[in-house]
């Protein structure tokens, strides 16, 4: 019989108090997911290249009407503050100086998965759905496709499509964003 010990879940405020107390250094790659402090996978060159290429394309297409953030926190609720590879957010003149963007600010999240695909699909995507993030792309570099999730619900996304390298990636939440999937998966 398996026995599970009680776990202590943390809030975003407590997470920042730990950082201020020096428990984490600036070089520690951790994020808070559903109250748990999770170590992030190292960023390999293939992953970094994909994020840079995609961010450049999204910046060009979004222009000055949106902000494209790379690997910066998004506060989903009091217990989750992931650092998605890319977040396309509503433009604000202060560029979110006093607080990280929340669910109402986010139009599209992109997670690039080289070794983290199970966490991205199994943990992060459901958190994004519960927070009401309208659209999430999970770029699977190993299997060379993009999972597109839309229409969030508390139990997950109602729509899921798998886009291959020969297809076009077009955002529903940001209609101006459209690019060949091959450019993302190169």
C-alpha atoms as a PDB file:
ATOM      1  CA  UNK A   1       0.000   0.000   0.000  1.00  0.00           C
ATOM      2  CA  UNK A   2       1.414   3.364  -1.038  1.00  0.00           C
ATOM      3  CA  UNK A   3       1.393   6.130   1.532  1.00  0.00           C
ATOM      4  CA  UNK A   4       1.721   9.746   0.535  1.00  0.00           C
ATOM      5  CA  UNK A   5       3.207  12.196   3.008  1.00  0.00           C
ATOM      6  CA  UNK A   6       1.510  15.574   3.286  1.00  0.00           C
ATOM      7  CA  UNK A   7       3.103  18.262   1.144  1.00  0.00           C
ATOM      8  CA  UNK A   8       3.563  21.927   1.924  1.00  0.00           C
ATOM      9  CA  UNK A   9       2.420  24.077  -0.976  1.00  0.00           C
ATOM     10  CA  UNK A  10       3.763  27.600  -1.361  1.00  0.00           C
ATOM     11  CA  UNK A  11       2.188  30.855  -2.483  1.00  0.00           C
ATOM     12  CA  UNK A  12       3.776  33.237  -4.972  1.00  0.00           C
ATOM     13  CA  UNK A  13       4.455  35.632  -2.073  1.00  0.00           C
ATOM     14  CA  UNK A  14       6.296  32.941  -0.110  1.00  0.00           C
ATOM     15  CA  UNK A  15       8.227  31.978  -3.238  1.00  0.00           C
ATOM     16  CA  UNK A  16       9.508  35.568  -3.531  1.00  0.00           C
ATOM     17  CA  UNK A  17      10.309  35.691   0.188  1.00  0.00           C
ATOM     18  CA  UNK A  18      12.499  32.607  -0.287  1.00  0.00           C
ATOM     19  CA  UNK A  19      14.264  34.298  -3.191  1.00  0.00           C
ATOM     20  CA  UNK A  20      14.771  37.480  -1.131  1.00  0.00           C
ATOM     21  CA  UNK A  21      16.191  35.376   1.718  1.00  0.00           C
ATOM     22  CA  UNK A  22      18.782  33.890  -0.645  1.00  0.00           C
ATOM     23  CA  UNK A  23      17.348  30.382  -0.798  1.00  0.00           C
ATOM     24  CA  UNK A  24      17.469  30.690  -4.587  1.00  0.00           C
ATOM     25  CA  UNK A  25      20.219  32.432  -6.484  1.00  0.00           C
ATOM     26  CA  UNK A  26      19.666  34.375  -9.694  1.00  0.00           C
ATOM     27  CA  UNK A  27      21.134  31.407 -11.554  1.00  0.00           C
ATOM     28  CA  UNK A  28      18.640  28.893 -10.131  1.00  0.00           C
ATOM     29  CA  UNK A  29      16.099  27.946 -12.785  1.00  0.00           C
ATOM     30  CA  UNK A  30      12.944  27.301 -10.769  1.00  0.00           C
ATOM     31  CA  UNK A  31       9.296  28.169 -11.157  1.00  0.00           C
ATOM     32  CA  UNK A  32       6.212  27.806  -8.986  1.00  0.00           C
ATOM     33  CA  UNK A  33       3.584  25.409 -10.382  1.00  0.00           C
ATOM     34  CA  UNK A  34       0.449  24.671  -8.348  1.00  0.00           C
ATOM     35  CA  UNK A  35       2.275  25.551  -5.137  1.00  0.00           C
ATOM     36  CA  UNK A  36       5.300  23.364  -5.843  1.00  0.00           C
ATOM     37  CA  UNK A  37       8.768  24.667  -6.599  1.00  0.00           C
ATOM     38  CA  UNK A  38       9.862  22.940  -9.787  1.00  0.00           C
ATOM     39  CA  UNK A  39      13.357  22.909 -11.237  1.00  0.00           C
ATOM     40  CA  UNK A  40      13.312  23.873 -14.887  1.00  0.00           C
ATOM     41  CA  UNK A  41      15.167  21.877 -17.524  1.00  0.00           C
ATOM     42  CA  UNK A  42      18.432  23.317 -18.832  1.00  0.00           C
ATOM     43  CA  UNK A  43      18.108  25.241 -22.073  1.00  0.00           C
ATOM     44  CA  UNK A  44      19.928  23.448 -24.885  1.00  0.00           C
ATOM     45  CA  UNK A  45      21.017  25.121 -28.098  1.00  0.00           C
ATOM     46  CA  UNK A  46      18.150  23.630 -30.153  1.00  0.00           C
ATOM     47  CA  UNK A  47      15.608  24.902 -27.601  1.00  0.00           C
ATOM     48  CA  UNK A  48      17.204  28.378 -27.441  1.00  0.00           C
ATOM     49  CA  UNK A  49      17.358  28.631 -31.220  1.00  0.00           C
ATOM     50  CA  UNK A  50      13.663  27.770 -31.539  1.00  0.00           C
ATOM     51  CA  UNK A  51      12.654  30.311 -28.872  1.00  0.00           C
ATOM     52  CA  UNK A  52      14.777  33.045 -30.483  1.00  0.00           C
ATOM     53  CA  UNK A  53      13.467  32.310 -33.993  1.00  0.00           C
ATOM     54  CA  UNK A  54       9.864  32.206 -32.852  1.00  0.00           C
ATOM     55  CA  UNK A  55      10.181  35.333 -30.693  1.00  0.00           C
ATOM     56  CA  UNK A  56      11.659  37.237 -33.635  1.00  0.00           C
ATOM     57  CA  UNK A  57       8.790  36.205 -35.926  1.00  0.00           C
ATOM     58  CA  UNK A  58       6.170  37.060 -33.308  1.00  0.00           C
ATOM     59  CA  UNK A  59       7.803  40.451 -32.613  1.00  0.00           C
ATOM     60  CA  UNK A  60       7.756  41.263 -36.326  1.00  0.00           C
ATOM     61  CA  UNK A  61       4.120  40.265 -36.724  1.00  0.00           C
ATOM     62  CA  UNK A  62       2.834  41.758 -33.461  1.00  0.00           C
ATOM     63  CA  UNK A  63       4.431  45.136 -34.065  1.00  0.00           C
ATOM     64  CA  UNK A  64       3.905  47.689 -31.326  1.00  0.00           C
ATOM     65  CA  UNK A  65       0.369  46.595 -30.429  1.00  0.00           C
ATOM     66  CA  UNK A  66       1.481  43.658 -28.257  1.00  0.00           C
ATOM     67  CA  UNK A  67       4.403  42.668 -26.062  1.00  0.00           C
ATOM     68  CA  UNK A  68       6.274  39.436 -26.762  1.00  0.00           C
ATOM     69  CA  UNK A  69       8.058  38.236 -23.610  1.00  0.00           C
ATOM     70  CA  UNK A  70      10.607  35.453 -23.516  1.00  0.00           C
ATOM     71  CA  UNK A  71      11.179  33.291 -20.456  1.00  0.00           C
ATOM     72  CA  UNK A  72       9.583  35.787 -18.059  1.00  0.00           C
ATOM     73  CA  UNK A  73       7.051  35.027 -15.317  1.00  0.00           C
ATOM     74  CA  UNK A  74       3.293  35.050 -15.768  1.00  0.00           C
ATOM     75  CA  UNK A  75       1.275  35.006 -12.552  1.00  0.00           C
ATOM     76  CA  UNK A  76      -1.632  32.622 -13.032  1.00  0.00           C
ATOM     77  CA  UNK A  77      -2.930  32.691  -9.447  1.00  0.00           C
ATOM     78  CA  UNK A  78      -1.652  32.771  -5.857  1.00  0.00           C
ATOM     79  CA  UNK A  79       0.094  29.383  -6.273  1.00  0.00           C
ATOM     80  CA  UNK A  80       1.410  29.392  -9.848  1.00  0.00           C
ATOM     81  CA  UNK A  81       3.908  31.618 -11.592  1.00  0.00           C
ATOM     82  CA  UNK A  82       5.423  29.720 -14.526  1.00  0.00           C
ATOM     83  CA  UNK A  83       8.045  31.159 -16.840  1.00  0.00           C
ATOM     84  CA  UNK A  84       6.818  30.217 -20.306  1.00  0.00           C
ATOM     85  CA  UNK A  85       9.277  30.316 -23.168  1.00  0.00           C
ATOM     86  CA  UNK A  86       7.136  32.960 -24.885  1.00  0.00           C
ATOM     87  CA  UNK A  87       4.107  34.934 -23.760  1.00  0.00           C
ATOM     88  CA  UNK A  88       2.282  37.278 -26.106  1.00  0.00           C
ATOM     89  CA  UNK A  89       0.606  39.827 -23.854  1.00  0.00           C
ATOM     90  CA  UNK A  90      -1.480  42.969 -24.140  1.00  0.00           C
ATOM     91  CA  UNK A  91       0.502  46.163 -24.544  1.00  0.00           C
ATOM     92  CA  UNK A  92       0.874  48.398 -21.494  1.00  0.00           C
ATOM     93  CA  UNK A  93       2.907  51.573 -21.460  1.00  0.00           C
ATOM     94  CA  UNK A  94       4.677  50.593 -18.230  1.00  0.00           C
ATOM     95  CA  UNK A  95       5.616  47.154 -19.660  1.00  0.00           C
ATOM     96  CA  UNK A  96       4.301  45.529 -16.459  1.00  0.00           C
ATOM     97  CA  UNK A  97       6.895  47.294 -14.307  1.00  0.00           C
ATOM     98  CA  UNK A  98       5.039  46.840 -11.007  1.00  0.00           C
ATOM     99  CA  UNK A  99       3.597  43.350 -11.463  1.00  0.00           C
ATOM    100  CA  UNK A 100       3.952  40.416 -13.809  1.00  0.00           C
ATOM    101  CA  UNK A 101       1.113  39.938 -16.292  1.00  0.00           C
ATOM    102  CA  UNK A 102      -1.847  37.861 -15.190  1.00  0.00           C
ATOM    103  CA  UNK A 103      -4.283  35.675 -17.131  1.00  0.00           C
ATOM    104  CA  UNK A 104      -6.338  38.625 -18.396  1.00  0.00           C
ATOM    105  CA  UNK A 105      -3.186  40.111 -19.961  1.00  0.00           C
ATOM    106  CA  UNK A 106      -2.063  36.957 -21.801  1.00  0.00           C
ATOM    107  CA  UNK A 107      -3.236  36.148 -25.317  1.00  0.00           C
ATOM    108  CA  UNK A 108      -0.873  33.308 -26.241  1.00  0.00           C
ATOM    109  CA  UNK A 109       1.659  31.154 -24.395  1.00  0.00           C
ATOM    110  CA  UNK A 110       4.296  29.097 -26.194  1.00  0.00           C
ATOM    111  CA  UNK A 111       6.242  26.331 -24.474  1.00  0.00           C
ATOM    112  CA  UNK A 112       9.162  24.852 -26.394  1.00  0.00           C
ATOM    113  CA  UNK A 113       9.752  21.261 -25.343  1.00  0.00           C
ATOM    114  CA  UNK A 114      12.953  19.407 -25.961  1.00  0.00           C
ATOM    115  CA  UNK A 115      13.170  17.336 -22.776  1.00  0.00           C
ATOM    116  CA  UNK A 116      10.269  18.927 -20.862  1.00  0.00           C
ATOM    117  CA  UNK A 117       7.333  17.815 -23.010  1.00  0.00           C
ATOM    118  CA  UNK A 118       5.690  15.730 -20.249  1.00  0.00           C
ATOM    119  CA  UNK A 119       5.732  18.643 -17.773  1.00  0.00           C
ATOM    120  CA  UNK A 120       4.606  21.116 -20.421  1.00  0.00           C
ATOM    121  CA  UNK A 121       1.639  18.976 -21.539  1.00  0.00           C
ATOM    122  CA  UNK A 122       0.772  17.300 -18.243  1.00  0.00           C
ATOM    123  CA  UNK A 123       1.318  20.115 -15.734  1.00  0.00           C
ATOM    124  CA  UNK A 124       1.573  23.501 -17.423  1.00  0.00           C
ATOM    125  CA  UNK A 125      -1.145  23.171 -20.080  1.00  0.00           C
ATOM    126  CA  UNK A 126      -3.824  22.244 -17.478  1.00  0.00           C
ATOM    127  CA  UNK A 127      -2.692  25.175 -15.278  1.00  0.00           C
ATOM    128  CA  UNK A 128      -2.978  27.540 -18.247  1.00  0.00           C
ATOM    129  CA  UNK A 129      -6.470  26.186 -19.022  1.00  0.00           C
ATOM    130  CA  UNK A 130      -7.671  26.649 -15.427  1.00  0.00           C
ATOM    131  CA  UNK A 131      -6.315  30.219 -15.477  1.00  0.00           C
ATOM    132  CA  UNK A 132      -8.241  30.948 -18.695  1.00  0.00           C
ATOM    133  CA  UNK A 133      -5.256  31.517 -21.002  1.00  0.00           C
ATOM    134  CA  UNK A 134      -7.003  31.536 -24.399  1.00  0.00           C
ATOM    135  CA  UNK A 135      -4.335  29.740 -26.416  1.00  0.00           C
ATOM    136  CA  UNK A 136      -1.215  27.634 -25.793  1.00  0.00           C
ATOM    137  CA  UNK A 137       1.267  26.188 -28.261  1.00  0.00           C
ATOM    138  CA  UNK A 138       3.576  23.355 -27.178  1.00  0.00           C
ATOM    139  CA  UNK A 139       6.410  23.008 -29.677  1.00  0.00           C
ATOM    140  CA  UNK A 140       7.674  19.415 -29.545  1.00  0.00           C
ATOM    141  CA  UNK A 141      11.181  19.568 -31.002  1.00  0.00           C
ATOM    142  CA  UNK A 142      11.807  15.818 -30.716  1.00  0.00           C
ATOM    143  CA  UNK A 143       8.712  14.639 -32.583  1.00  0.00           C
ATOM    144  CA  UNK A 144       8.548  17.759 -34.818  1.00  0.00           C
ATOM    145  CA  UNK A 145       5.009  19.014 -34.324  1.00  0.00           C
ATOM    146  CA  UNK A 146       3.173  21.750 -32.452  1.00  0.00           C
ATOM    147  CA  UNK A 147       0.239  21.020 -30.155  1.00  0.00           C
ATOM    148  CA  UNK A 148      -2.237  23.909 -30.296  1.00  0.00           C
ATOM    149  CA  UNK A 149      -4.659  24.246 -27.375  1.00  0.00           C
ATOM    150  CA  UNK A 150      -7.636  26.631 -27.490  1.00  0.00           C
ATOM    151  CA  UNK A 151     -10.919  27.299 -25.700  1.00  0.00           C
ATOM    152  CA  UNK A 152      -9.902  26.928 -22.043  1.00  0.00           C
ATOM    153  CA  UNK A 153     -12.074  25.280 -19.445  1.00  0.00           C
ATOM    154  CA  UNK A 154     -11.361  24.414 -15.801  1.00  0.00           C
ATOM    155  CA  UNK A 155     -10.858  20.776 -16.830  1.00  0.00           C
ATOM    156  CA  UNK A 156      -8.537  21.538 -19.765  1.00  0.00           C
ATOM    157  CA  UNK A 157      -8.751  22.896 -23.272  1.00  0.00           C
ATOM    158  CA  UNK A 158     -11.789  21.989 -25.355  1.00  0.00           C
ATOM    159  CA  UNK A 159      -9.872  22.188 -28.629  1.00  0.00           C
ATOM    160  CA  UNK A 160      -6.580  20.511 -29.423  1.00  0.00           C
ATOM    161  CA  UNK A 161      -4.910  20.308 -32.814  1.00  0.00           C
ATOM    162  CA  UNK A 162      -1.567  18.873 -33.804  1.00  0.00           C
ATOM    163  CA  UNK A 163       0.250  20.919 -36.441  1.00  0.00           C
ATOM    164  CA  UNK A 164       2.966  19.274 -38.549  1.00  0.00           C
ATOM    165  CA  UNK A 165       5.949  20.858 -40.291  1.00  0.00           C
ATOM    166  CA  UNK A 166       4.029  21.295 -43.569  1.00  0.00           C
ATOM    167  CA  UNK A 167       1.169  23.186 -41.916  1.00  0.00           C
ATOM    168  CA  UNK A 168       0.603  26.831 -41.058  1.00  0.00           C
ATOM    169  CA  UNK A 169       0.495  27.981 -37.422  1.00  0.00           C
ATOM    170  CA  UNK A 170      -2.202  30.625 -37.044  1.00  0.00           C
ATOM    171  CA  UNK A 171      -3.283  32.061 -33.731  1.00  0.00           C
ATOM    172  CA  UNK A 172      -6.969  32.393 -32.965  1.00  0.00           C
ATOM    173  CA  UNK A 173      -6.395  34.775 -30.040  1.00  0.00           C
ATOM    174  CA  UNK A 174      -3.999  36.963 -32.073  1.00  0.00           C
ATOM    175  CA  UNK A 175      -5.234  36.660 -35.689  1.00  0.00           C
ATOM    176  CA  UNK A 176      -2.298  38.688 -37.040  1.00  0.00           C
ATOM    177  CA  UNK A 177       0.082  35.919 -35.972  1.00  0.00           C
ATOM    178  CA  UNK A 178       0.603  33.316 -38.653  1.00  0.00           C
ATOM    179  CA  UNK A 179       3.760  31.476 -39.703  1.00  0.00           C
ATOM    180  CA  UNK A 180       4.821  28.211 -41.295  1.00  0.00           C
ATOM    181  CA  UNK A 181       5.263  25.488 -38.684  1.00  0.00           C
ATOM    182  CA  UNK A 182       8.466  24.471 -40.484  1.00  0.00           C
ATOM    183  CA  UNK A 183       9.999  27.808 -39.459  1.00  0.00           C
ATOM    184  CA  UNK A 184       9.311  26.972 -35.813  1.00  0.00           C
ATOM    185  CA  UNK A 185      10.402  23.334 -36.025  1.00  0.00           C
ATOM    186  CA  UNK A 186      13.581  23.961 -38.113  1.00  0.00           C
END
